[in-house]
Amino acid sequence: MKHLIFTLSLLAFVSCKDNKQERTKTEVVDQSVDTEKEHHNEETSNLYENTWINNIKLNNGNKWQANTETNEGILKMQNSIKTQTTSTLEDYYKLADQLNNDKNYVIKNCTMKGASHDNLHVWLLPLMEKIEALSEIKTITGASKLKHSIEENINAYSEYFQ
């Protein structure tokens, strides 16, 4: 009888220990999933916001001089966003493709150097991320928000460059 009580006590003790370890593992996994969700939500919200404005600088209070081809590429982007109908996800994907082509034109033909070029990158890199995200978006609501953010980004170009 003593052996039976001892064995049952030992099993209960080991079982409690394993249960405690399992609970700890579950809590750690849950915390890492929450952290991943927060990180994803932060990245997504940055796509919709134009936080790059905090990093871009003017040229001693004046607009930066951009080369003609860069300005032409930006005009193409503005035209694409105004003229492309966006009522379906496929329409948004077409817009993303067109904006990507326009962006590639800017990159290929840019001859800017120095601080003006550096500030162009401050403006352009978030736009590139938004265009890529638009090409992969899964909801009309998200696509609409991204399009609006892209449009704000593109239209702000003229506040910093001429």
C-alpha atoms as a PDB file:
ATOM      1  CA  MET A   1       0.000   0.000   0.000  1.00  0.00           C
ATOM      2  CA  LYS A   2       2.883   2.337   0.834  1.00  0.00           C
ATOM      3  CA  HIS A   3       4.370   1.689  -2.587  1.00  0.00           C
ATOM      4  CA  LEU A   4       1.061   2.525  -4.267  1.00  0.00           C
ATOM      5  CA  ILE A   5       0.719   5.820  -2.373  1.00  0.00           C
ATOM      6  CA  PHE A   6       4.349   6.657  -3.114  1.00  0.00           C
ATOM      7  CA  THR A   7       3.898   5.854  -6.827  1.00  0.00           C
ATOM      8  CA  LEU A   8       0.698   7.895  -7.113  1.00  0.00           C
ATOM      9  CA  SER A   9       2.337  10.824  -5.293  1.00  0.00           C
ATOM     10  CA  LEU A  10       5.337  10.632  -7.600  1.00  0.00           C
ATOM     11  CA  LEU A  11       3.099  10.561 -10.695  1.00  0.00           C
ATOM     12  CA  ALA A  12       1.082  13.515  -9.426  1.00  0.00           C
ATOM     13  CA  PHE A  13       4.279  15.462  -8.729  1.00  0.00           C
ATOM     14  CA  VAL A  14       5.774  14.708 -12.164  1.00  0.00           C
ATOM     15  CA  SER A  15       2.456  15.449 -13.838  1.00  0.00           C
ATOM     16  CA  CYS A  16       2.200  18.836 -12.106  1.00  0.00           C
ATOM     17  CA  LYS A  17       5.771  19.665 -13.083  1.00  0.00           C
ATOM     18  CA  ASP A  18       5.110  18.792 -16.752  1.00  0.00           C
ATOM     19  CA  ASN A  19       1.859  20.770 -16.703  1.00  0.00           C
ATOM     20  CA  LYS A  20       3.687  23.809 -15.330  1.00  0.00           C
ATOM     21  CA  GLN A  21       6.349  23.563 -18.075  1.00  0.00           C
ATOM     22  CA  GLU A  22       3.658  23.172 -20.729  1.00  0.00           C
ATOM     23  CA  ARG A  23       1.810  26.237 -19.415  1.00  0.00           C
ATOM     24  CA  THR A  24       5.064  28.235 -19.500  1.00  0.00           C
ATOM     25  CA  LYS A  25       5.738  27.133 -23.086  1.00  0.00           C
ATOM     26  CA  THR A  26       2.200  28.101 -24.098  1.00  0.00           C
ATOM     27  CA  GLU A  27       2.567  31.532 -22.517  1.00  0.00           C
ATOM     28  CA  VAL A  28       5.878  32.133 -24.326  1.00  0.00           C
ATOM     29  CA  VAL A  29       4.375  31.117 -27.682  1.00  0.00           C
ATOM     30  CA  ASP A  30       1.320  33.332 -27.090  1.00  0.00           C
ATOM     31  CA  GLN A  31       3.563  36.279 -26.238  1.00  0.00           C
ATOM     32  CA  SER A  32       5.674  35.818 -29.382  1.00  0.00           C
ATOM     33  CA  VAL A  33       2.531  35.631 -31.552  1.00  0.00           C
ATOM     34  CA  ASP A  34       1.262  38.858 -29.952  1.00  0.00           C
ATOM     35  CA  THR A  35       4.631  40.519 -30.613  1.00  0.00           C
ATOM     36  CA  GLU A  36       4.533  39.421 -34.263  1.00  0.00           C
ATOM     37  CA  LYS A  37       0.992  40.802 -34.636  1.00  0.00           C
ATOM     38  CA  GLU A  38       2.019  44.124 -33.079  1.00  0.00           C
ATOM     39  CA  HIS A  39       5.062  44.332 -35.383  1.00  0.00           C
ATOM     40  CA  HIS A  40       2.917  43.529 -38.439  1.00  0.00           C
ATOM     41  CA  ASN A  41       0.296  46.099 -37.406  1.00  0.00           C
ATOM     42  CA  GLU A  42       3.029  48.706 -36.880  1.00  0.00           C
ATOM     43  CA  GLU A  43       4.496  48.023 -40.331  1.00  0.00           C
ATOM     44  CA  THR A  44       1.058  48.140 -41.918  1.00  0.00           C
ATOM     45  CA  SER A  45       0.147  51.402 -40.215  1.00  0.00           C
ATOM     46  CA  ASN A  46       3.437  52.920 -41.408  1.00  0.00           C
ATOM     47  CA  LEU A  47       2.388  52.111 -44.962  1.00  0.00           C
ATOM     48  CA  TYR A  48      -0.745  54.182 -44.541  1.00  0.00           C
ATOM     49  CA  GLU A  49       1.005  57.067 -42.816  1.00  0.00           C
ATOM     50  CA  ASN A  50       3.526  59.385 -44.401  1.00  0.00           C
ATOM     51  CA  THR A  51       6.074  59.346 -41.599  1.00  0.00           C
ATOM     52  CA  TRP A  52       8.858  60.063 -44.111  1.00  0.00           C
ATOM     53  CA  ILE A  53       7.830  63.732 -43.820  1.00  0.00           C
ATOM     54  CA  ASN A  54       9.624  63.772 -40.457  1.00  0.00           C
ATOM     55  CA  ASN A  55      12.916  62.911 -42.181  1.00  0.00           C
ATOM     56  CA  ILE A  56      12.920  64.942 -45.384  1.00  0.00           C
ATOM     57  CA  LYS A  57      14.608  68.341 -45.468  1.00  0.00           C
ATOM     58  CA  LEU A  58      14.326  71.384 -47.687  1.00  0.00           C
ATOM     59  CA  ASN A  59      17.330  73.059 -49.300  1.00  0.00           C
ATOM     60  CA  ASN A  60      17.807  75.919 -46.816  1.00  0.00           C
ATOM     61  CA  GLY A  61      14.067  76.572 -46.916  1.00  0.00           C
ATOM     62  CA  ASN A  62      13.850  76.112 -50.692  1.00  0.00           C
ATOM     63  CA  LYS A  63      12.776  73.194 -52.855  1.00  0.00           C
ATOM     64  CA  TRP A  64      15.441  70.861 -54.198  1.00  0.00           C
ATOM     65  CA  GLN A  65      16.230  71.024 -57.903  1.00  0.00           C
ATOM     66  CA  ALA A  66      15.282  67.746 -59.586  1.00  0.00           C
ATOM     67  CA  ASN A  67      16.259  66.697 -63.086  1.00  0.00           C
ATOM     68  CA  THR A  68      13.634  66.948 -65.828  1.00  0.00           C
ATOM     69  CA  GLU A  69      13.191  63.187 -66.187  1.00  0.00           C
ATOM     70  CA  THR A  70      12.490  62.768 -62.478  1.00  0.00           C
ATOM     71  CA  ASN A  71       9.820  65.461 -62.658  1.00  0.00           C
ATOM     72  CA  GLU A  72       8.351  63.777 -65.754  1.00  0.00           C
ATOM     73  CA  GLY A  73       8.218  60.444 -63.925  1.00  0.00           C
ATOM     74  CA  ILE A  74       6.388  62.028 -61.005  1.00  0.00           C
ATOM     75  CA  LEU A  75       3.873  63.574 -63.408  1.00  0.00           C
ATOM     76  CA  LYS A  76       3.349  60.101 -64.890  1.00  0.00           C
ATOM     77  CA  MET A  77       2.644  58.760 -61.393  1.00  0.00           C
ATOM     78  CA  GLN A  78       0.166  61.555 -60.699  1.00  0.00           C
ATOM     79  CA  ASN A  79      -1.563  60.856 -64.000  1.00  0.00           C
ATOM     80  CA  SER A  80      -1.664  57.105 -63.333  1.00  0.00           C
ATOM     81  CA  ILE A  81      -3.259  57.532 -59.939  1.00  0.00           C
ATOM     82  CA  LYS A  82      -5.840  60.005 -61.301  1.00  0.00           C
ATOM     83  CA  THR A  83      -6.843  58.045 -64.388  1.00  0.00           C
ATOM     84  CA  GLN A  84      -6.734  54.390 -63.257  1.00  0.00           C
ATOM     85  CA  THR A  85     -10.174  53.187 -62.201  1.00  0.00           C
ATOM     86  CA  THR A  86      -9.981  51.283 -58.921  1.00  0.00           C
ATOM     87  CA  SER A  87     -13.146  49.391 -58.072  1.00  0.00           C
ATOM     88  CA  THR A  88     -11.773  45.839 -57.871  1.00  0.00           C
ATOM     89  CA  LEU A  89      -8.619  44.272 -56.492  1.00  0.00           C
ATOM     90  CA  GLU A  90      -7.557  43.586 -60.070  1.00  0.00           C
ATOM     91  CA  ASP A  91      -7.837  47.337 -60.773  1.00  0.00           C
ATOM     92  CA  TYR A  92      -5.629  48.082 -57.771  1.00  0.00           C
ATOM     93  CA  TYR A  93      -3.089  45.522 -58.986  1.00  0.00           C
ATOM     94  CA  LYS A  94      -3.069  47.212 -62.401  1.00  0.00           C
ATOM     95  CA  LEU A  95      -2.524  50.566 -60.704  1.00  0.00           C
ATOM     96  CA  ALA A  96       0.355  49.108 -58.683  1.00  0.00           C
ATOM     97  CA  ASP A  97       1.899  47.740 -61.881  1.00  0.00           C
ATOM     98  CA  GLN A  98       1.578  51.099 -63.647  1.00  0.00           C
ATOM     99  CA  LEU A  99       2.984  53.004 -60.661  1.00  0.00           C
ATOM    100  CA  ASN A 100       5.851  50.530 -60.509  1.00  0.00           C
ATOM    101  CA  ASN A 101       6.637  51.226 -64.177  1.00  0.00           C
ATOM    102  CA  ASP A 102       6.491  54.976 -63.522  1.00  0.00           C
ATOM    103  CA  LYS A 103       8.738  54.576 -60.474  1.00  0.00           C
ATOM    104  CA  ASN A 104      11.221  52.540 -62.520  1.00  0.00           C
ATOM    105  CA  TYR A 105      11.312  55.357 -65.080  1.00  0.00           C
ATOM    106  CA  VAL A 106      12.242  57.787 -62.292  1.00  0.00           C
ATOM    107  CA  ILE A 107      14.968  55.501 -60.959  1.00  0.00           C
ATOM    108  CA  LYS A 108      16.402  54.734 -64.396  1.00  0.00           C
ATOM    109  CA  ASN A 109      16.554  58.381 -65.460  1.00  0.00           C
ATOM    110  CA  CYS A 110      17.504  60.099 -62.227  1.00  0.00           C
ATOM    111  CA  THR A 111      20.747  62.067 -62.471  1.00  0.00           C
ATOM    112  CA  MET A 112      20.435  63.862 -59.148  1.00  0.00           C
ATOM    113  CA  LYS A 113      23.421  63.843 -56.790  1.00  0.00           C
ATOM    114  CA  GLY A 114      24.240  64.889 -53.248  1.00  0.00           C
ATOM    115  CA  ALA A 115      21.687  66.153 -50.744  1.00  0.00           C
ATOM    116  CA  SER A 116      18.910  66.541 -53.330  1.00  0.00           C
ATOM    117  CA  HIS A 117      19.340  62.877 -54.286  1.00  0.00           C
ATOM    118  CA  ASP A 118      19.426  61.808 -50.628  1.00  0.00           C
ATOM    119  CA  ASN A 119      16.172  63.645 -49.936  1.00  0.00           C
ATOM    120  CA  LEU A 120      14.608  62.137 -53.043  1.00  0.00           C
ATOM    121  CA  HIS A 121      15.323  58.740 -51.489  1.00  0.00           C
ATOM    122  CA  VAL A 122      13.637  59.829 -48.243  1.00  0.00           C
ATOM    123  CA  TRP A 123      10.543  60.559 -50.326  1.00  0.00           C
ATOM    124  CA  LEU A 124      10.846  57.607 -52.739  1.00  0.00           C
ATOM    125  CA  LEU A 125      11.646  54.604 -50.524  1.00  0.00           C
ATOM    126  CA  PRO A 126       8.353  54.655 -48.562  1.00  0.00           C
ATOM    127  CA  LEU A 127       6.504  55.119 -51.856  1.00  0.00           C
ATOM    128  CA  MET A 128       8.204  52.022 -53.247  1.00  0.00           C
ATOM    129  CA  GLU A 129       7.093  50.015 -50.194  1.00  0.00           C
ATOM    130  CA  LYS A 130       3.525  51.234 -50.628  1.00  0.00           C
ATOM    131  CA  ILE A 131       3.466  50.338 -54.322  1.00  0.00           C
ATOM    132  CA  GLU A 132       4.774  46.853 -53.543  1.00  0.00           C
ATOM    133  CA  ALA A 133       2.194  46.430 -50.769  1.00  0.00           C
ATOM    134  CA  LEU A 134      -0.576  47.548 -53.144  1.00  0.00           C
ATOM    135  CA  SER A 135       0.421  44.807 -55.578  1.00  0.00           C
ATOM    136  CA  GLU A 136      -0.079  42.212 -52.817  1.00  0.00           C
ATOM    137  CA  ILE A 137      -3.046  43.654 -50.881  1.00  0.00           C
ATOM    138  CA  LYS A 138      -5.935  41.277 -50.192  1.00  0.00           C
ATOM    139  CA  THR A 139      -8.859  43.621 -49.410  1.00  0.00           C
ATOM    140  CA  ILE A 140     -10.544  46.492 -51.211  1.00  0.00           C
ATOM    141  CA  THR A 141     -10.577  48.518 -47.979  1.00  0.00           C
ATOM    142  CA  GLY A 142      -6.836  48.109 -47.487  1.00  0.00           C
ATOM    143  CA  ALA A 143      -6.187  48.845 -51.155  1.00  0.00           C
ATOM    144  CA  SER A 144      -8.249  52.025 -50.975  1.00  0.00           C
ATOM    145  CA  LYS A 145      -6.355  53.224 -47.896  1.00  0.00           C
ATOM    146  CA  LEU A 146      -3.033  52.435 -49.559  1.00  0.00           C
ATOM    147  CA  LYS A 147      -4.032  54.244 -52.743  1.00  0.00           C
ATOM    148  CA  HIS A 148      -4.894  57.322 -50.693  1.00  0.00           C
ATOM    149  CA  SER A 149      -1.541  57.153 -48.894  1.00  0.00           C
ATOM    150  CA  ILE A 150       0.298  56.722 -52.211  1.00  0.00           C
ATOM    151  CA  GLU A 151      -1.553  59.705 -53.658  1.00  0.00           C
ATOM    152  CA  GLU A 152      -0.596  61.860 -50.666  1.00  0.00           C
ATOM    153  CA  ASN A 153       3.013  60.705 -51.019  1.00  0.00           C
ATOM    154  CA  ILE A 154       3.122  61.508 -54.738  1.00  0.00           C
ATOM    155  CA  ASN A 155       1.409  64.884 -54.349  1.00  0.00           C
ATOM    156  CA  ALA A 156       3.812  65.911 -51.566  1.00  0.00           C
ATOM    157  CA  TYR A 157       6.717  65.647 -54.025  1.00  0.00           C
ATOM    158  CA  SER A 158       6.081  69.189 -55.250  1.00  0.00           C
ATOM    159  CA  GLU A 159       6.461  70.527 -51.701  1.00  0.00           C
ATOM    160  CA  TYR A 160      10.115  69.458 -51.662  1.00  0.00           C
ATOM    161  CA  PHE A 161      11.268  69.325 -55.296  1.00  0.00           C
ATOM    162  CA  GLN A 162      11.003  71.463 -58.405  1.00  0.00           C
END
